[in-house]
Amino acid sequence: MQITHHSLSNYLAWVNGTLLADAPANALLPATTALTFDAALKQLLAPLLRGDPVWLLPDATTRQPDALLEALRNPPGDPTRPLIF
């Protein structure tokens, strides 16, 4: 499915203004969806537009619940950085 730049811009502005509005600065949002799924837009592009980092998890990690939980318990970088779910 194709979307216009305008529609994508509006959607990401809504995500950042509504869903991520209360997220602390420099928060880490783990990207857990496949790039072919529309939820990847908010997990990848919305944080970048806010100036926040994106945490790309390996497919093997996102497919195994135990591995995903372990990764979420031990995020990369600063252990005090807040996570967004």
Protein backbone atom coordinates (compact mmCIF):
# COMPACT_ATOMS: atom_id res chain seq x y z
CA MET A 1 0.00 0.00 0.00
CA GLN A 2 1.26 3.45 -0.86
CA ILE A 3 0.81 6.45 1.39
CA THR A 4 1.47 10.09 0.69
CA HIS A 5 4.17 12.12 2.40
CA HIS A 6 1.45 14.39 3.81
CA SER A 7 -0.42 11.45 5.37
CA LEU A 8 2.75 10.03 6.88
CA SER A 9 3.71 13.44 8.28
CA ASN A 10 0.28 13.87 9.84
CA TYR A 11 0.35 10.37 11.33
CA LEU A 12 3.81 10.82 12.84
CA ALA A 13 2.86 14.24 14.22
CA TRP A 14 -0.17 12.60 15.86
CA VAL A 15 1.98 9.77 17.30
CA ASN A 16 4.49 12.22 18.76
CA GLY A 17 1.81 14.64 19.97
CA THR A 18 -0.49 12.02 21.48
CA LEU A 19 1.07 8.60 22.07
CA LEU A 20 4.57 9.82 22.88
CA ALA A 21 3.62 13.23 24.26
CA ASP A 22 4.46 12.28 27.86
CA ALA A 23 7.60 10.33 26.98
CA PRO A 24 10.75 11.73 28.60
CA ALA A 25 13.45 13.16 26.37
CA ASN A 26 16.00 10.66 25.10
CA ALA A 27 13.69 7.74 25.89
CA LEU A 28 14.33 4.45 24.14
CA LEU A 29 11.58 2.83 22.07
CA PRO A 30 12.37 -0.76 21.11
CA ALA A 31 11.48 -1.59 17.50
CA THR A 32 9.79 -4.96 17.81
CA THR A 33 7.68 -5.14 14.64
CA ALA A 34 8.66 -6.17 11.14
CA LEU A 35 9.49 -3.34 8.76
CA THR A 36 6.60 -4.49 6.55
CA PHE A 37 4.04 -3.81 9.32
CA ASP A 38 2.55 -0.33 9.66
CA ALA A 39 3.42 -0.17 13.39
CA ALA A 40 7.07 0.02 12.34
CA LEU A 41 6.41 3.62 11.24
CA LYS A 42 5.77 4.74 14.79
CA GLN A 43 8.54 2.60 16.25
CA LEU A 44 11.19 3.80 13.80
CA LEU A 45 10.30 7.23 12.47
CA ALA A 46 8.42 8.87 15.34
CA PRO A 47 11.34 8.70 17.82
CA LEU A 48 13.77 9.95 15.18
CA LEU A 49 11.57 12.98 14.54
CA ARG A 50 11.69 13.71 18.29
CA GLY A 51 15.47 13.39 18.28
CA ASP A 52 15.32 10.18 20.33
CA PRO A 53 17.26 7.00 19.58
CA VAL A 54 15.74 3.89 18.01
CA TRP A 55 16.61 0.48 19.38
CA LEU A 56 16.55 -2.14 16.61
CA LEU A 57 16.09 -5.61 18.03
CA PRO A 58 17.14 -8.67 16.03
CA ASP A 59 14.32 -10.72 14.52
CA ALA A 60 15.45 -13.74 16.54
CA THR A 61 14.95 -11.74 19.74
CA THR A 62 11.49 -10.44 18.85
CA ARG A 63 10.28 -13.93 17.90
CA GLN A 64 11.24 -15.50 21.23
CA PRO A 65 9.26 -14.13 24.21
CA ASP A 66 11.94 -15.08 26.74
CA ALA A 67 14.69 -13.46 24.68
CA LEU A 68 12.55 -10.33 24.19
CA LEU A 69 11.89 -10.02 27.92
CA GLU A 70 15.60 -10.44 28.65
CA ALA A 71 16.49 -7.75 26.10
CA LEU A 72 13.92 -5.37 27.59
CA ARG A 73 15.35 -5.97 31.06
CA ASN A 74 18.85 -5.12 29.81
CA PRO A 75 18.60 -2.33 27.23
CA PRO A 76 21.78 -1.08 25.56
CA GLY A 77 23.60 2.01 26.75
CA ASP A 78 22.59 3.97 29.82
CA PRO A 79 20.64 1.67 32.20
CA THR A 80 18.76 4.67 33.60
CA ARG A 81 17.39 5.69 30.17
CA PRO A 82 13.61 5.29 30.24
CA LEU A 83 11.98 2.76 27.93
CA ILE A 84 8.75 3.45 26.03
CA PHE A 85 6.35 0.58 25.33
